[in-house]
PDB file of all heavy atoms in Angstrom:
ATOM      1  N   ARG A   1       5.064   1.495  -3.246  1.00  0.00           N
ATOM      2  CA  ARG A   1       6.222   1.930  -2.529  1.00  0.00           C
ATOM      3  C   ARG A   1       7.107   0.787  -1.923  1.00  0.00           C
ATOM      4  O   ARG A   1       8.307   0.841  -1.920  1.00  0.00           O
ATOM      5  CB  ARG A   1       5.736   2.935  -1.441  1.00  0.00           C
ATOM      6  CG  ARG A   1       5.323   4.221  -2.069  1.00  0.00           C
ATOM      7  CD  ARG A   1       4.777   5.242  -1.044  1.00  0.00           C
ATOM      8  NE  ARG A   1       3.509   4.571  -0.365  1.00  0.00           N
ATOM      9  CZ  ARG A   1       2.889   5.316   0.531  1.00  0.00           C
ATOM     10  NH1 ARG A   1       3.419   6.389   1.054  1.00  0.00           N
ATOM     11  NH2 ARG A   1       1.733   4.738   1.060  1.00  0.00           N
ATOM     12  N   SER A   2       6.359  -0.251  -1.438  1.00  0.00           N
ATOM     13  CA  SER A   2       7.182  -1.312  -0.842  1.00  0.00           C
ATOM     14  C   SER A   2       7.753  -2.355  -1.784  1.00  0.00           C
ATOM     15  O   SER A   2       8.552  -3.175  -1.454  1.00  0.00           O
ATOM     16  CB  SER A   2       6.211  -2.114   0.172  1.00  0.00           C
ATOM     17  OG  SER A   2       5.174  -2.837  -0.629  1.00  0.00           O
ATOM     18  N   GLY A   3       7.254  -2.190  -3.053  1.00  0.00           N
ATOM     19  CA  GLY A   3       7.675  -3.124  -4.046  1.00  0.00           C
ATOM     20  C   GLY A   3       6.987  -4.529  -4.033  1.00  0.00           C
ATOM     21  O   GLY A   3       7.165  -5.349  -4.807  1.00  0.00           O
ATOM     22  N   GLY A   4       5.928  -4.550  -3.177  1.00  0.00           N
ATOM     23  CA  GLY A   4       5.247  -5.826  -3.014  1.00  0.00           C
ATOM     24  C   GLY A   4       4.111  -6.136  -4.057  1.00  0.00           C
ATOM     25  O   GLY A   4       3.567  -7.196  -4.148  1.00  0.00           O
ATOM     26  N   LEU A   5       3.854  -5.134  -4.857  1.00  0.00           N
ATOM     27  CA  LEU A   5       2.783  -5.315  -5.882  1.00  0.00           C
ATOM     28  C   LEU A   5       3.138  -4.430  -7.068  1.00  0.00           C
ATOM     29  O   LEU A   5       3.586  -3.314  -6.933  1.00  0.00           O
ATOM     30  CB  LEU A   5       1.470  -4.877  -5.306  1.00  0.00           C
ATOM     31  CG  LEU A   5       0.185  -5.384  -6.017  1.00  0.00           C
ATOM     32  CD1 LEU A   5       0.197  -6.906  -6.147  1.00  0.00           C
ATOM     33  CD2 LEU A   5      -1.010  -4.815  -5.253  1.00  0.00           C
ATOM     34  N   ALA A   6       3.061  -5.104  -8.113  1.00  0.00           N
ATOM     35  CA  ALA A   6       3.391  -4.282  -9.467  1.00  0.00           C
ATOM     36  C   ALA A   6       2.192  -4.532 -10.519  1.00  0.00           C
ATOM     37  O   ALA A   6       1.562  -5.620 -10.439  1.00  0.00           O
ATOM     38  CB  ALA A   6       4.573  -4.726 -10.002  1.00  0.00           C
ATOM     39  N   TYR A   7       2.101  -3.665 -11.388  1.00  0.00           N
ATOM     40  CA  TYR A   7       1.045  -3.678 -12.388  1.00  0.00           C
ATOM     41  C   TYR A   7       1.761  -3.454 -13.743  1.00  0.00           C
ATOM     42  O   TYR A   7       2.596  -2.608 -13.840  1.00  0.00           O
ATOM     43  CB  TYR A   7       0.025  -2.620 -12.142  1.00  0.00           C
ATOM     44  CG  TYR A   7      -0.483  -2.518 -10.780  1.00  0.00           C
ATOM     45  CD1 TYR A   7       0.052  -1.622  -9.740  1.00  0.00           C
ATOM     46  CD2 TYR A   7      -1.521  -3.446 -10.340  1.00  0.00           C
ATOM     47  CE1 TYR A   7      -0.460  -1.549  -8.625  1.00  0.00           C
ATOM     48  CE2 TYR A   7      -1.991  -3.259  -9.100  1.00  0.00           C
ATOM     49  CZ  TYR A   7      -1.509  -2.402  -8.180  1.00  0.00           C
ATOM     50  OH  TYR A   7      -1.881  -2.318  -6.898  1.00  0.00           O
ATOM     51  N   LEU A   8       1.266  -4.192 -14.738  1.00  0.00           N
ATOM     52  CA  LEU A   8       1.919  -4.108 -16.053  1.00  0.00           C
ATOM     53  C   LEU A   8       0.754  -3.883 -17.171  1.00  0.00           C
ATOM     54  O   LEU A   8      -0.273  -4.553 -16.997  1.00  0.00           O
ATOM     55  CB  LEU A   8       2.687  -5.273 -16.404  1.00  0.00           C
ATOM     56  CG  LEU A   8       4.049  -5.436 -15.706  1.00  0.00           C
ATOM     57  CD1 LEU A   8       4.629  -6.714 -15.884  1.00  0.00           C
ATOM     58  CD2 LEU A   8       5.050  -4.299 -16.168  1.00  0.00           C
ATOM     59  N   ALA A   9       1.037  -3.118 -18.197  1.00  0.00           N
ATOM     60  CA  ALA A   9       0.123  -3.056 -19.213  1.00  0.00           C
ATOM     61  C   ALA A   9       0.008  -4.377 -19.966  1.00  0.00           C
ATOM     62  O   ALA A   9       0.974  -5.091 -20.073  1.00  0.00           O
ATOM     63  CB  ALA A   9       0.597  -1.985 -20.194  1.00  0.00           C
ATOM     64  N   ALA A  10      -1.131  -4.698 -20.537  1.00  0.00           N
ATOM     65  CA  ALA A  10      -1.315  -6.030 -21.184  1.00  0.00           C
ATOM     66  C   ALA A  10      -0.332  -6.136 -22.346  1.00  0.00           C
ATOM     67  O   ALA A  10       0.181  -7.254 -22.587  1.00  0.00           O
ATOM     68  CB  ALA A  10      -2.755  -6.053 -21.800  1.00  0.00           C
ATOM     69  N   SER A  11       0.115  -5.068 -23.087  1.00  0.00           N
ATOM     70  CA  SER A  11       1.020  -5.181 -24.104  1.00  0.00           C
ATOM     71  C   SER A  11       2.492  -5.726 -23.714  1.00  0.00           C
ATOM     72  O   SER A  11       3.225  -6.033 -24.613  1.00  0.00           O
ATOM     73  CB  SER A  11       1.114  -3.848 -24.851  1.00  0.00           C
ATOM     74  OG  SER A  11       1.605  -2.845 -24.045  1.00  0.00           O
ATOM     75  N   VAL A  12       2.708  -5.544 -22.460  1.00  0.00           N
ATOM     76  CA  VAL A  12       4.104  -5.899 -22.056  1.00  0.00           C
ATOM     77  C   VAL A  12       4.119  -6.967 -20.976  1.00  0.00           C
ATOM     78  O   VAL A  12       5.186  -7.485 -20.690  1.00  0.00           O
ATOM     79  CB  VAL A  12       4.869  -4.694 -21.486  1.00  0.00           C
ATOM     80  CG1 VAL A  12       4.855  -3.467 -22.531  1.00  0.00           C
ATOM     81  CG2 VAL A  12       4.259  -4.171 -20.152  1.00  0.00           C
ATOM     82  N   LYS A  13       2.986  -7.403 -20.598  1.00  0.00           N
ATOM     83  CA  LYS A  13       2.977  -8.559 -19.560  1.00  0.00           C
ATOM     84  C   LYS A  13       3.479  -9.713 -20.029  1.00  0.00           C
ATOM     85  O   LYS A  13       3.278 -10.164 -21.242  1.00  0.00           O
ATOM     86  CB  LYS A  13       1.404  -8.645 -19.201  1.00  0.00           C
ATOM     87  CG  LYS A  13       1.191  -9.438 -17.957  1.00  0.00           C
ATOM     88  CD  LYS A  13      -0.277  -9.311 -17.471  1.00  0.00           C
ATOM     89  CE  LYS A  13      -0.651  -7.995 -17.060  1.00  0.00           C
ATOM     90  NZ  LYS A  13      -1.952  -7.859 -16.503  1.00  0.00           N
ATOM     91  N   GLY A  14       4.275 -10.422 -19.194  1.00  0.00           N
ATOM     92  CA  GLY A  14       4.998 -11.567 -19.679  1.00  0.00           C
ATOM     93  C   GLY A  14       6.385 -11.379 -20.298  1.00  0.00           C
ATOM     94  O   GLY A  14       7.182 -12.279 -20.541  1.00  0.00           O
ATOM     95  N   ARG A  15       6.596 -10.095 -20.601  1.00  0.00           N
ATOM     96  CA  ARG A  15       7.886  -9.660 -21.356  1.00  0.00           C
ATOM     97  C   ARG A  15       8.715  -8.696 -20.491  1.00  0.00           C
ATOM     98  O   ARG A  15       9.915  -8.723 -20.378  1.00  0.00           O
ATOM     99  CB  ARG A  15       7.693  -9.111 -22.636  1.00  0.00           C
ATOM    100  CG  ARG A  15       6.987  -9.967 -23.663  1.00  0.00           C
ATOM    101  CD  ARG A  15       6.970  -9.352 -25.058  1.00  0.00           C
ATOM    102  NE  ARG A  15       6.211  -8.156 -25.074  1.00  0.00           N
ATOM    103  CZ  ARG A  15       6.741  -6.982 -25.486  1.00  0.00           C
ATOM    104  NH1 ARG A  15       8.007  -6.947 -25.818  1.00  0.00           N
ATOM    105  NH2 ARG A  15       5.962  -5.909 -25.546  1.00  0.00           N
ATOM    106  N   PHE A  16       7.967  -7.741 -19.765  1.00  0.00           N
ATOM    107  CA  PHE A  16       8.656  -6.752 -18.918  1.00  0.00           C
ATOM    108  C   PHE A  16       8.419  -7.101 -17.429  1.00  0.00           C
ATOM    109  O   PHE A  16       7.392  -7.640 -17.087  1.00  0.00           O
ATOM    110  CB  PHE A  16       7.983  -5.432 -19.220  1.00  0.00           C
ATOM    111  CG  PHE A  16       8.306  -4.843 -20.584  1.00  0.00           C
ATOM    112  CD1 PHE A  16       8.920  -5.569 -21.629  1.00  0.00           C
ATOM    113  CD2 PHE A  16       8.029  -3.440 -20.845  1.00  0.00           C
ATOM    114  CE1 PHE A  16       9.160  -5.050 -22.819  1.00  0.00           C
ATOM    115  CE2 PHE A  16       8.256  -2.970 -21.990  1.00  0.00           C
ATOM    116  CZ  PHE A  16       8.936  -3.689 -23.082  1.00  0.00           C
ATOM    117  N   THR A  17       9.218  -6.663 -16.575  1.00  0.00           N
ATOM    118  CA  THR A  17       9.265  -6.754 -15.179  1.00  0.00           C
ATOM    119  C   THR A  17       9.674  -5.443 -14.516  1.00  0.00           C
ATOM    120  O   THR A  17      10.624  -4.916 -15.008  1.00  0.00           O
ATOM    121  CB  THR A  17      10.118  -7.915 -14.729  1.00  0.00           C
ATOM    122  OG1 THR A  17       9.861  -9.182 -15.334  1.00  0.00           O
ATOM    123  CG2 THR A  17      10.026  -8.093 -13.120  1.00  0.00           C
ATOM    124  N   ILE A  18       8.893  -5.104 -13.544  1.00  0.00           N
ATOM    125  CA  ILE A  18       9.210  -3.913 -12.757  1.00  0.00           C
ATOM    126  C   ILE A  18       9.760  -4.329 -11.390  1.00  0.00           C
ATOM    127  O   ILE A  18       9.221  -5.163 -10.822  1.00  0.00           O
ATOM    128  CB  ILE A  18       7.951  -2.953 -12.574  1.00  0.00           C
ATOM    129  CG1 ILE A  18       7.460  -2.441 -13.882  1.00  0.00           C
ATOM    130  CG2 ILE A  18       8.279  -1.830 -11.659  1.00  0.00           C
ATOM    131  CD1 ILE A  18       6.377  -1.502 -13.699  1.00  0.00           C
ATOM    132  N   SER A  19      10.799  -3.555 -10.930  1.00  0.00           N
ATOM    133  CA  SER A  19      11.234  -3.832  -9.596  1.00  0.00           C
ATOM    134  C   SER A  19      11.752  -2.550  -9.074  1.00  0.00           C
ATOM    135  O   SER A  19      11.902  -1.606  -9.791  1.00  0.00           O
ATOM    136  CB  SER A  19      12.404  -4.913  -9.594  1.00  0.00           C
ATOM    137  OG  SER A  19      13.499  -4.496 -10.358  1.00  0.00           O
ATOM    138  N   ARG A  20      12.157  -2.585  -7.795  1.00  0.00           N
ATOM    139  CA  ARG A  20      12.834  -1.434  -7.221  1.00  0.00           C
ATOM    140  C   ARG A  20      13.700  -1.846  -6.032  1.00  0.00           C
ATOM    141  O   ARG A  20      13.463  -2.915  -5.495  1.00  0.00           O
ATOM    142  CB  ARG A  20      11.664  -0.441  -6.626  1.00  0.00           C
ATOM    143  CG  ARG A  20      10.771  -1.021  -5.556  1.00  0.00           C
ATOM    144  CD  ARG A  20       9.613  -0.156  -5.327  1.00  0.00           C
ATOM    145  NE  ARG A  20       9.919   1.097  -4.744  1.00  0.00           N
ATOM    146  CZ  ARG A  20       9.174   2.198  -4.941  1.00  0.00           C
ATOM    147  NH1 ARG A  20       8.114   2.149  -5.473  1.00  0.00           N
ATOM    148  NH2 ARG A  20       9.610   3.331  -4.341  1.00  0.00           N
ATOM    149  N   ASP A  21      14.652  -1.010  -5.772  1.00  0.00           N
ATOM    150  CA  ASP A  21      15.533  -1.263  -4.716  1.00  0.00           C
ATOM    151  C   ASP A  21      15.528  -0.036  -3.863  1.00  0.00           C
ATOM    152  O   ASP A  21      16.262   1.044  -4.164  1.00  0.00           O
ATOM    153  CB  ASP A  21      17.020  -1.635  -5.249  1.00  0.00           C
ATOM    154  CG  ASP A  21      17.993  -1.927  -4.075  1.00  0.00           C
ATOM    155  OD1 ASP A  21      17.802  -1.535  -2.899  1.00  0.00           O
ATOM    156  OD2 ASP A  21      18.989  -2.653  -4.282  1.00  0.00           O
ATOM    157  N   ASN A  22      14.770   0.068  -2.869  1.00  0.00           N
ATOM    158  CA  ASN A  22      14.623   1.301  -1.996  1.00  0.00           C
ATOM    159  C   ASN A  22      15.844   1.763  -1.403  1.00  0.00           C
ATOM    160  O   ASN A  22      16.253   2.884  -1.188  1.00  0.00           O
ATOM    161  CB  ASN A  22      13.454   1.206  -1.081  1.00  0.00           C
ATOM    162  CG  ASN A  22      12.107   1.278  -1.779  1.00  0.00           C
ATOM    163  OD1 ASN A  22      11.924   1.765  -2.925  1.00  0.00           O
ATOM    164  ND2 ASN A  22      11.097   0.734  -1.108  1.00  0.00           N
ATOM    165  N   ALA A  23      16.729   0.782  -1.067  1.00  0.00           N
ATOM    166  CA  ALA A  23      17.889   1.052  -0.399  1.00  0.00           C
ATOM    167  C   ALA A  23      18.927   1.756  -1.353  1.00  0.00           C
ATOM    168  O   ALA A  23      19.761   2.548  -0.971  1.00  0.00           O
ATOM    169  CB  ALA A  23      18.547  -0.302   0.185  1.00  0.00           C
ATOM    170  N   GLU A  24      18.872   1.378  -2.630  1.00  0.00           N
ATOM    171  CA  GLU A  24      19.611   1.980  -3.700  1.00  0.00           C
ATOM    172  C   GLU A  24      18.919   3.253  -4.310  1.00  0.00           C
ATOM    173  O   GLU A  24      19.508   3.875  -5.238  1.00  0.00           O
ATOM    174  CB  GLU A  24      19.878   0.977  -4.672  1.00  0.00           C
ATOM    175  CG  GLU A  24      20.874  -0.081  -4.192  1.00  0.00           C
ATOM    176  CD  GLU A  24      22.305   0.365  -3.836  1.00  0.00           C
ATOM    177  OE1 GLU A  24      22.779   1.386  -4.527  1.00  0.00           O
ATOM    178  OE2 GLU A  24      22.820  -0.161  -2.937  1.00  0.00           O
ATOM    179  N   ASN A  25      17.806   3.552  -3.946  1.00  0.00           N
ATOM    180  CA  ASN A  25      16.974   4.618  -4.435  1.00  0.00           C
ATOM    181  C   ASN A  25      16.761   4.576  -5.948  1.00  0.00           C
ATOM    182  O   ASN A  25      16.823   5.562  -6.691  1.00  0.00           O
ATOM    183  CB  ASN A  25      17.668   5.993  -4.138  1.00  0.00           C
ATOM    184  CG  ASN A  25      16.906   6.778  -3.003  1.00  0.00           C
ATOM    185  OD1 ASN A  25      16.071   6.240  -2.365  1.00  0.00           O
ATOM    186  ND2 ASN A  25      17.330   8.002  -2.789  1.00  0.00           N
ATOM    187  N   THR A  26      16.506   3.301  -6.425  1.00  0.00           N
ATOM    188  CA  THR A  26      16.506   3.125  -7.897  1.00  0.00           C
ATOM    189  C   THR A  26      15.371   2.114  -8.238  1.00  0.00           C
ATOM    190  O   THR A  26      15.099   1.130  -7.520  1.00  0.00           O
ATOM    191  CB  THR A  26      17.759   2.470  -8.349  1.00  0.00           C
ATOM    192  OG1 THR A  26      18.859   3.345  -7.973  1.00  0.00           O
ATOM    193  CG2 THR A  26      17.674   2.369  -9.898  1.00  0.00           C
ATOM    194  N   ALA A  27      14.670   2.453  -9.272  1.00  0.00           N
ATOM    195  CA  ALA A  27      13.541   1.595  -9.819  1.00  0.00           C
ATOM    196  C   ALA A  27      14.082   1.046 -11.115  1.00  0.00           C
ATOM    197  O   ALA A  27      15.005   1.700 -11.780  1.00  0.00           O
ATOM    198  CB  ALA A  27      12.245   2.363  -9.993  1.00  0.00           C
ATOM    199  N   TYR A  28      13.524  -0.134 -11.497  1.00  0.00           N
ATOM    200  CA  TYR A  28      13.977  -0.769 -12.708  1.00  0.00           C
ATOM    201  C   TYR A  28      12.833  -1.265 -13.521  1.00  0.00           C
ATOM    202  O   TYR A  28      11.779  -1.503 -13.119  1.00  0.00           O
ATOM    203  CB  TYR A  28      14.893  -2.053 -12.328  1.00  0.00           C
ATOM    204  CG  TYR A  28      16.030  -1.668 -11.440  1.00  0.00           C
ATOM    205  CD1 TYR A  28      15.986  -1.832 -10.030  1.00  0.00           C
ATOM    206  CD2 TYR A  28      17.141  -1.266 -12.104  1.00  0.00           C
ATOM    207  CE1 TYR A  28      17.049  -1.582  -9.314  1.00  0.00           C
ATOM    208  CE2 TYR A  28      18.326  -1.051 -11.251  1.00  0.00           C
ATOM    209  CZ  TYR A  28      18.288  -1.061  -9.858  1.00  0.00           C
ATOM    210  OH  TYR A  28      19.308  -0.841  -9.090  1.00  0.00           O
ATOM    211  N   LEU A  29      13.182  -1.298 -14.969  1.00  0.00           N
ATOM    212  CA  LEU A  29      12.238  -1.902 -15.844  1.00  0.00           C
ATOM    213  C   LEU A  29      13.053  -2.833 -16.688  1.00  0.00           C
ATOM    214  O   LEU A  29      13.850  -2.434 -17.470  1.00  0.00           O
ATOM    215  CB  LEU A  29      11.573  -0.821 -16.740  1.00  0.00           C
ATOM    216  CG  LEU A  29      10.598  -1.322 -17.804  1.00  0.00           C
ATOM    217  CD1 LEU A  29       9.310  -2.002 -17.078  1.00  0.00           C
ATOM    218  CD2 LEU A  29      10.139  -0.191 -18.751  1.00  0.00           C
ATOM    219  N   GLN A  30      12.820  -4.163 -16.456  1.00  0.00           N
ATOM    220  CA  GLN A  30      13.477  -5.218 -17.257  1.00  0.00           C
ATOM    221  C   GLN A  30      12.632  -5.472 -18.471  1.00  0.00           C
ATOM    222  O   GLN A  30      11.524  -5.900 -18.204  1.00  0.00           O
ATOM    223  CB  GLN A  30      13.768  -6.435 -16.409  1.00  0.00           C
ATOM    224  CG  GLN A  30      14.446  -7.522 -17.206  1.00  0.00           C
ATOM    225  CD  GLN A  30      15.850  -7.202 -17.577  1.00  0.00           C
ATOM    226  OE1 GLN A  30      16.735  -6.768 -16.781  1.00  0.00           O
ATOM    227  NE2 GLN A  30      16.115  -7.625 -18.733  1.00  0.00           N
ATOM    228  N   MET A  31      13.264  -5.338 -19.618  1.00  0.00           N
ATOM    229  CA  MET A  31      12.471  -5.564 -20.913  1.00  0.00           C
ATOM    230  C   MET A  31      13.088  -6.647 -21.663  1.00  0.00           C
ATOM    231  O   MET A  31      14.318  -6.652 -22.082  1.00  0.00           O
ATOM    232  CB  MET A  31      12.401  -4.304 -21.728  1.00  0.00           C
ATOM    233  CG  MET A  31      11.984  -3.146 -20.893  1.00  0.00           C
ATOM    234  SD  MET A  31      11.887  -1.622 -21.934  1.00  0.00           S
ATOM    235  CE  MET A  31      13.479  -1.261 -22.336  1.00  0.00           C
ATOM    236  N   ASN A  32      12.319  -7.718 -21.862  1.00  0.00           N
ATOM    237  CA  ASN A  32      12.825  -8.975 -22.540  1.00  0.00           C
ATOM    238  C   ASN A  32      11.925  -9.105 -23.795  1.00  0.00           C
ATOM    239  O   ASN A  32      10.862  -8.540 -23.947  1.00  0.00           O
ATOM    240  CB  ASN A  32      12.701 -10.111 -21.666  1.00  0.00           C
ATOM    241  CG  ASN A  32      13.558 -10.063 -20.452  1.00  0.00           C
ATOM    242  OD1 ASN A  32      14.696  -9.404 -20.465  1.00  0.00           O
ATOM    243  ND2 ASN A  32      13.113 -10.732 -19.331  1.00  0.00           N
ATOM    244  N   SER A  33      12.436  -9.899 -24.703  1.00  0.00           N
ATOM    245  CA  SER A  33      11.760 -10.220 -25.942  1.00  0.00           C
ATOM    246  C   SER A  33      11.135  -8.986 -26.586  1.00  0.00           C
ATOM    247  O   SER A  33       9.958  -8.816 -27.005  1.00  0.00           O
ATOM    248  CB  SER A  33      10.494 -11.108 -25.683  1.00  0.00           C
ATOM    249  OG  SER A  33      10.989 -12.395 -25.098  1.00  0.00           O
ATOM    250  N   LEU A  34      12.066  -7.970 -26.666  1.00  0.00           N
ATOM    251  CA  LEU A  34      11.596  -6.754 -27.309  1.00  0.00           C
ATOM    252  C   LEU A  34      11.216  -6.758 -28.757  1.00  0.00           C
ATOM    253  O   LEU A  34      11.572  -7.576 -29.458  1.00  0.00           O
ATOM    254  CB  LEU A  34      12.859  -5.683 -27.165  1.00  0.00           C
ATOM    255  CG  LEU A  34      12.975  -5.149 -25.716  1.00  0.00           C
ATOM    256  CD1 LEU A  34      14.422  -4.585 -25.508  1.00  0.00           C
ATOM    257  CD2 LEU A  34      11.926  -4.052 -25.449  1.00  0.00           C
TER     258      LEU A  34
END
């Protein structure tokens, strides 16, 4: 909830990033090297 800790599946670790902006009420999934 705070955004202070994130977990990723092994298959996407190093390529994907999770983040959130609670002020904007939005969560994100950045996907690179698809």
